Amino acid sequence: MRNTYDAGTDTNDVQVIYEACPTEKQLVWIGTNVAKPFGTGKRFDGYAYFNQRPEELLAFIETHVGK
């Protein structure tokens, strides 16, 4: 499994991409070592996250769609 953390810059590539995007957004970190742990740390955990915990996505859509 490929890690997106760059030890040379002490940053995560995902964070760099997120910060470069000028639109309204909310980053949801999925994993076992985060504020709200989810999954087993395996690659495919992300595919199940919003199926099992849709609240964050639905709240974002409700806030930003149709404005």
PDB file of N, CA and C in Angstrom:
ATOM      1  N   MET A   1       0.844  -1.166   0.000  1.00  0.00           N
ATOM      2  CA  MET A   1       0.000   0.000   0.000  1.00  0.00           C
ATOM      3  C   MET A   1       0.897   1.240   0.000  1.00  0.00           C
ATOM      4  N   ARG A   2       0.547   2.227  -0.791  1.00  0.00           N
ATOM      5  CA  ARG A   2       1.340   3.448  -0.895  1.00  0.00           C
ATOM      6  C   ARG A   2       0.887   4.466   0.138  1.00  0.00           C
ATOM      7  N   ASN A   3       1.839   5.043   0.818  1.00  0.00           N
ATOM      8  CA  ASN A   3       1.579   6.076   1.809  1.00  0.00           C
ATOM      9  C   ASN A   3       1.644   7.434   1.123  1.00  0.00           C
ATOM     10  N   THR A   4       0.760   8.358   1.472  1.00  0.00           N
ATOM     11  CA  THR A   4       0.761   9.683   0.862  1.00  0.00           C
ATOM     12  C   THR A   4       1.512  10.707   1.701  1.00  0.00           C
ATOM     13  N   TYR A   5       2.141  10.275   2.778  1.00  0.00           N
ATOM     14  CA  TYR A   5       2.907  11.170   3.640  1.00  0.00           C
ATOM     15  C   TYR A   5       4.319  11.342   3.102  1.00  0.00           C
ATOM     16  N   ASP A   6       4.766  12.585   3.009  1.00  0.00           N
ATOM     17  CA  ASP A   6       6.108  12.896   2.534  1.00  0.00           C
ATOM     18  C   ASP A   6       6.960  13.333   3.726  1.00  0.00           C
ATOM     19  N   ALA A   7       7.820  12.464   4.196  1.00  0.00           N
ATOM     20  CA  ALA A   7       8.654  12.759   5.364  1.00  0.00           C
ATOM     21  C   ALA A   7       9.610  13.913   5.097  1.00  0.00           C
ATOM     22  N   GLY A   8       9.992  14.108   3.853  1.00  0.00           N
ATOM     23  CA  GLY A   8      10.909  15.189   3.505  1.00  0.00           C
ATOM     24  C   GLY A   8      10.312  16.568   3.729  1.00  0.00           C
ATOM     25  N   THR A   9       9.011  16.702   3.499  1.00  0.00           N
ATOM     26  CA  THR A   9       8.340  17.990   3.692  1.00  0.00           C
ATOM     27  C   THR A   9       7.451  17.991   4.928  1.00  0.00           C
ATOM     28  N   ASP A  10       7.333  16.843   5.588  1.00  0.00           N
ATOM     29  CA  ASP A  10       6.486  16.687   6.772  1.00  0.00           C
ATOM     30  C   ASP A  10       5.026  17.034   6.475  1.00  0.00           C
ATOM     31  N   THR A  11       4.565  16.674   5.281  1.00  0.00           N
ATOM     32  CA  THR A  11       3.178  16.913   4.886  1.00  0.00           C
ATOM     33  C   THR A  11       2.599  15.683   4.209  1.00  0.00           C
ATOM     34  N   ASN A  12       1.290  15.686   4.080  1.00  0.00           N
ATOM     35  CA  ASN A  12       0.580  14.629   3.385  1.00  0.00           C
ATOM     36  C   ASN A  12       0.169  15.172   2.022  1.00  0.00           C
ATOM     37  N   ASP A  13       0.398  14.427   0.957  1.00  0.00           N
ATOM     38  CA  ASP A  13       0.036  14.867  -0.385  1.00  0.00           C
ATOM     39  C   ASP A  13      -1.440  15.230  -0.480  1.00  0.00           C
ATOM     40  N   VAL A  14      -2.280  14.509   0.219  1.00  0.00           N
ATOM     41  CA  VAL A  14      -3.718  14.784   0.197  1.00  0.00           C
ATOM     42  C   VAL A  14      -3.982  16.182   0.761  1.00  0.00           C
ATOM     43  N   GLN A  15      -3.283  16.543   1.821  1.00  0.00           N
ATOM     44  CA  GLN A  15      -3.440  17.865   2.424  1.00  0.00           C
ATOM     45  C   GLN A  15      -3.002  18.962   1.453  1.00  0.00           C
ATOM     46  N   VAL A  16      -1.929  18.741   0.722  1.00  0.00           N
ATOM     47  CA  VAL A  16      -1.432  19.722  -0.251  1.00  0.00           C
ATOM     48  C   VAL A  16      -2.466  19.937  -1.350  1.00  0.00           C
ATOM     49  N   ILE A  17      -3.028  18.867  -1.871  1.00  0.00           N
ATOM     50  CA  ILE A  17      -4.050  18.963  -2.917  1.00  0.00           C
ATOM     51  C   ILE A  17      -5.281  19.679  -2.379  1.00  0.00           C
ATOM     52  N   TYR A  18      -5.697  19.330  -1.178  1.00  0.00           N
ATOM     53  CA  TYR A  18      -6.860  19.954  -0.525  1.00  0.00           C
ATOM     54  C   TYR A  18      -6.671  21.467  -0.397  1.00  0.00           C
ATOM     55  N   GLU A  19      -5.521  21.891   0.084  1.00  0.00           N
ATOM     56  CA  GLU A  19      -5.264  23.313   0.283  1.00  0.00           C
ATOM     57  C   GLU A  19      -5.154  24.077  -1.031  1.00  0.00           C
ATOM     58  N   ALA A  20      -4.766  23.414  -2.105  1.00  0.00           N
ATOM     59  CA  ALA A  20      -4.641  24.073  -3.414  1.00  0.00           C
ATOM     60  C   ALA A  20      -5.986  24.270  -4.101  1.00  0.00           C
ATOM     61  N   CYS A  21      -6.992  23.562  -3.688  1.00  0.00           N
ATOM     62  CA  CYS A  21      -8.322  23.653  -4.304  1.00  0.00           C
ATOM     63  C   CYS A  21      -9.062  24.871  -3.731  1.00  0.00           C
ATOM     64  N   PRO A  22      -9.465  25.825  -4.584  1.00  0.00           N
ATOM     65  CA  PRO A  22     -10.052  27.065  -4.080  1.00  0.00           C
ATOM     66  C   PRO A  22     -11.536  26.992  -3.697  1.00  0.00           C
ATOM     67  N   THR A  23     -12.186  25.892  -3.932  1.00  0.00           N
ATOM     68  CA  THR A  23     -13.617  25.797  -3.647  1.00  0.00           C
ATOM     69  C   THR A  23     -13.896  25.447  -2.188  1.00  0.00           C
ATOM     70  N   GLU A  24     -15.159  25.621  -1.779  1.00  0.00           N
ATOM     71  CA  GLU A  24     -15.587  25.225  -0.429  1.00  0.00           C
ATOM     72  C   GLU A  24     -15.476  23.709  -0.330  1.00  0.00           C
ATOM     73  N   LYS A  25     -14.895  23.243   0.761  1.00  0.00           N
ATOM     74  CA  LYS A  25     -14.698  21.803   0.900  1.00  0.00           C
ATOM     75  C   LYS A  25     -14.543  21.423   2.365  1.00  0.00           C
ATOM     76  N   GLN A  26     -14.604  20.133   2.597  1.00  0.00           N
ATOM     77  CA  GLN A  26     -14.381  19.592   3.939  1.00  0.00           C
ATOM     78  C   GLN A  26     -13.684  18.259   3.766  1.00  0.00           C
ATOM     79  N   LEU A  27     -12.502  18.141   4.333  1.00  0.00           N
ATOM     80  CA  LEU A  27     -11.717  16.913   4.219  1.00  0.00           C
ATOM     81  C   LEU A  27     -12.091  15.971   5.351  1.00  0.00           C
ATOM     82  N   VAL A  28     -12.374  14.738   5.018  1.00  0.00           N
ATOM     83  CA  VAL A  28     -12.709  13.726   6.018  1.00  0.00           C
ATOM     84  C   VAL A  28     -11.590  12.688   6.014  1.00  0.00           C
ATOM     85  N   TRP A  29     -10.814  12.654   7.100  1.00  0.00           N
ATOM     86  CA  TRP A  29      -9.750  11.659   7.229  1.00  0.00           C
ATOM     87  C   TRP A  29     -10.372  10.359   7.720  1.00  0.00           C
ATOM     88  N   ILE A  30     -10.112   9.285   7.009  1.00  0.00           N
ATOM     89  CA  ILE A  30     -10.654   7.979   7.348  1.00  0.00           C
ATOM     90  C   ILE A  30      -9.502   7.064   7.739  1.00  0.00           C
ATOM     91  N   GLY A  31      -9.631   6.408   8.882  1.00  0.00           N
ATOM     92  CA  GLY A  31      -8.585   5.496   9.302  1.00  0.00           C
ATOM     93  C   GLY A  31      -8.738   5.098  10.754  1.00  0.00           C
ATOM     94  N   THR A  32      -7.758   4.410  11.245  1.00  0.00           N
ATOM     95  CA  THR A  32      -7.821   3.908  12.612  1.00  0.00           C
ATOM     96  C   THR A  32      -7.217   4.880  13.623  1.00  0.00           C
ATOM     97  N   ASN A  33      -6.367   5.799  13.169  1.00  0.00           N
ATOM     98  CA  ASN A  33      -5.697   6.734  14.081  1.00  0.00           C
ATOM     99  C   ASN A  33      -6.172   8.166  13.886  1.00  0.00           C
ATOM    100  N   VAL A  34      -7.476   8.359  13.769  1.00  0.00           N
ATOM    101  CA  VAL A  34      -8.052   9.695  13.589  1.00  0.00           C
ATOM    102  C   VAL A  34      -9.053   9.965  14.704  1.00  0.00           C
ATOM    103  N   ALA A  35      -9.594  11.187  14.735  1.00  0.00           N
ATOM    104  CA  ALA A  35     -10.516  11.579  15.810  1.00  0.00           C
ATOM    105  C   ALA A  35     -11.711  10.632  15.936  1.00  0.00           C
ATOM    106  N   LYS A  36     -12.302  10.256  14.798  1.00  0.00           N
ATOM    107  CA  LYS A  36     -13.414   9.297  14.788  1.00  0.00           C
ATOM    108  C   LYS A  36     -12.940   8.057  14.035  1.00  0.00           C
ATOM    109  N   PRO A  37     -12.316   7.112  14.722  1.00  0.00           N
ATOM    110  CA  PRO A  37     -11.749   5.933  14.044  1.00  0.00           C
ATOM    111  C   PRO A  37     -12.793   5.169  13.220  1.00  0.00           C
ATOM    112  N   PHE A  38     -12.327   4.665  12.080  1.00  0.00           N
ATOM    113  CA  PHE A  38     -13.188   3.879  11.210  1.00  0.00           C
ATOM    114  C   PHE A  38     -12.344   2.844  10.486  1.00  0.00           C
ATOM    115  N   GLY A  39     -12.859   1.653  10.366  1.00  0.00           N
ATOM    116  CA  GLY A  39     -12.232   0.618   9.563  1.00  0.00           C
ATOM    117  C   GLY A  39     -11.071  -0.078  10.234  1.00  0.00           C
ATOM    118  N   THR A  40     -10.304  -0.744   9.389  1.00  0.00           N
ATOM    119  CA  THR A  40      -9.200  -1.576   9.851  1.00  0.00           C
ATOM    120  C   THR A  40      -7.850  -1.075   9.355  1.00  0.00           C
ATOM    121  N   GLY A  41      -7.849   0.049   8.632  1.00  0.00           N
ATOM    122  CA  GLY A  41      -6.614   0.568   8.064  1.00  0.00           C
ATOM    123  C   GLY A  41      -6.317   0.000   6.690  1.00  0.00           C
ATOM    124  N   LYS A  42      -7.236  -0.750   6.144  1.00  0.00           N
ATOM    125  CA  LYS A  42      -7.045  -1.338   4.822  1.00  0.00           C
ATOM    126  C   LYS A  42      -7.487  -0.371   3.739  1.00  0.00           C
ATOM    127  N   ARG A  43      -6.963  -0.550   2.555  1.00  0.00           N
ATOM    128  CA  ARG A  43      -7.198   0.334   1.416  1.00  0.00           C
ATOM    129  C   ARG A  43      -8.676   0.563   1.118  1.00  0.00           C
ATOM    130  N   PHE A  44      -9.494  -0.443   1.198  1.00  0.00           N
ATOM    131  CA  PHE A  44     -10.876  -0.331   0.753  1.00  0.00           C
ATOM    132  C   PHE A  44     -11.840   0.192   1.820  1.00  0.00           C
ATOM    133  N   ASP A  45     -11.352   0.530   3.000  1.00  0.00           N
ATOM    134  CA  ASP A  45     -12.217   1.093   4.043  1.00  0.00           C
ATOM    135  C   ASP A  45     -12.933   2.355   3.556  1.00  0.00           C
ATOM    136  N   GLY A  46     -12.259   3.154   2.770  1.00  0.00           N
ATOM    137  CA  GLY A  46     -12.845   4.397   2.275  1.00  0.00           C
ATOM    138  C   GLY A  46     -14.104   4.186   1.457  1.00  0.00           C
ATOM    139  N   TYR A  47     -14.204   3.082   0.768  1.00  0.00           N
ATOM    140  CA  TYR A  47     -15.383   2.813  -0.045  1.00  0.00           C
ATOM    141  C   TYR A  47     -16.617   2.569   0.822  1.00  0.00           C
ATOM    142  N   ALA A  48     -16.437   2.084   2.019  1.00  0.00           N
ATOM    143  CA  ALA A  48     -17.563   1.769   2.899  1.00  0.00           C
ATOM    144  C   ALA A  48     -17.924   2.911   3.839  1.00  0.00           C
ATOM    145  N   TYR A  49     -17.044   3.894   3.975  1.00  0.00           N
ATOM    146  CA  TYR A  49     -17.235   4.933   4.992  1.00  0.00           C
ATOM    147  C   TYR A  49     -18.572   5.655   4.850  1.00  0.00           C
ATOM    148  N   PHE A  50     -18.854   6.230   3.702  1.00  0.00           N
ATOM    149  CA  PHE A  50     -20.090   7.009   3.554  1.00  0.00           C
ATOM    150  C   PHE A  50     -21.334   6.134   3.491  1.00  0.00           C
ATOM    151  N   ASN A  51     -21.190   4.860   3.184  1.00  0.00           N
ATOM    152  CA  ASN A  51     -22.332   3.945   3.262  1.00  0.00           C
ATOM    153  C   ASN A  51     -22.732   3.708   4.716  1.00  0.00           C
ATOM    154  N   GLN A  52     -21.737   3.636   5.585  1.00  0.00           N
ATOM    155  CA  GLN A  52     -22.002   3.347   6.992  1.00  0.00           C
ATOM    156  C   GLN A  52     -22.160   4.608   7.838  1.00  0.00           C
ATOM    157  N   ARG A  53     -21.567   5.720   7.396  1.00  0.00           N
ATOM    158  CA  ARG A  53     -21.638   6.993   8.135  1.00  0.00           C
ATOM    159  C   ARG A  53     -21.959   8.135   7.165  1.00  0.00           C
ATOM    160  N   PRO A  54     -23.181   8.199   6.670  1.00  0.00           N
ATOM    161  CA  PRO A  54     -23.521   9.199   5.647  1.00  0.00           C
ATOM    162  C   PRO A  54     -23.765  10.614   6.185  1.00  0.00           C
ATOM    163  N   GLU A  55     -23.826  10.801   7.486  1.00  0.00           N
ATOM    164  CA  GLU A  55     -24.233  12.079   8.064  1.00  0.00           C
ATOM    165  C   GLU A  55     -23.383  13.266   7.587  1.00  0.00           C
ATOM    166  N   GLU A  56     -22.057  13.128   7.589  1.00  0.00           N
ATOM    167  CA  GLU A  56     -21.178  14.229   7.179  1.00  0.00           C
ATOM    168  C   GLU A  56     -21.402  14.614   5.724  1.00  0.00           C
ATOM    169  N   LEU A  57     -21.503  13.635   4.856  1.00  0.00           N
ATOM    170  CA  LEU A  57     -21.714  13.900   3.439  1.00  0.00           C
ATOM    171  C   LEU A  57     -23.082  14.530   3.203  1.00  0.00           C
ATOM    172  N   LEU A  58     -24.102  14.000   3.838  1.00  0.00           N
ATOM    173  CA  LEU A  58     -25.449  14.557   3.665  1.00  0.00           C
ATOM    174  C   LEU A  58     -25.543  15.991   4.178  1.00  0.00           C
ATOM    175  N   ALA A  59     -24.893  16.285   5.292  1.00  0.00           N
ATOM    176  CA  ALA A  59     -24.894  17.651   5.833  1.00  0.00           C
ATOM    177  C   ALA A  59     -24.170  18.598   4.878  1.00  0.00           C
ATOM    178  N   PHE A  60     -23.055  18.164   4.295  1.00  0.00           N
ATOM    179  CA  PHE A  60     -22.320  18.989   3.341  1.00  0.00           C
ATOM    180  C   PHE A  60     -23.182  19.267   2.110  1.00  0.00           C
ATOM    181  N   ILE A  61     -23.824  18.239   1.588  1.00  0.00           N
ATOM    182  CA  ILE A  61     -24.675  18.409   0.412  1.00  0.00           C
ATOM    183  C   ILE A  61     -25.831  19.345   0.716  1.00  0.00           C
ATOM    184  N   GLU A  62     -26.465  19.162   1.852  1.00  0.00           N
ATOM    185  CA  GLU A  62     -27.583  20.010   2.237  1.00  0.00           C
ATOM    186  C   GLU A  62     -27.161  21.477   2.351  1.00  0.00           C
ATOM    187  N   THR A  63     -25.973  21.709   2.850  1.00  0.00           N
ATOM    188  CA  THR A  63     -25.465  23.074   3.016  1.00  0.00           C
ATOM    189  C   THR A  63     -25.094  23.729   1.687  1.00  0.00           C
ATOM    190  N   HIS A  64     -24.512  22.956   0.755  1.00  0.00           N
ATOM    191  CA  HIS A  64     -23.913  23.553  -0.431  1.00  0.00           C
ATOM    192  C   HIS A  64     -24.647  23.344  -1.738  1.00  0.00           C
ATOM    193  N   VAL A  65     -25.574  22.437  -1.814  1.00  0.00           N
ATOM    194  CA  VAL A  65     -26.292  22.197  -3.062  1.00  0.00           C
ATOM    195  C   VAL A  65     -27.551  23.059  -3.089  1.00  0.00           C
ATOM    196  N   GLY A  66     -27.767  23.693  -4.204  1.00  0.00           N
ATOM    197  CA  GLY A  66     -28.979  24.499  -4.351  1.00  0.00           C
ATOM    198  C   GLY A  66     -28.848  25.920  -3.846  1.00  0.00           C
ATOM    199  N   LYS A  67     -27.611  26.350  -3.570  1.00  0.00           N
ATOM    200  CA  LYS A  67     -27.406  27.748  -3.139  1.00  0.00           C
ATOM    201  C   LYS A  67     -27.386  28.663  -4.338  1.00  0.00           C
TER     202      LYS A  67
END
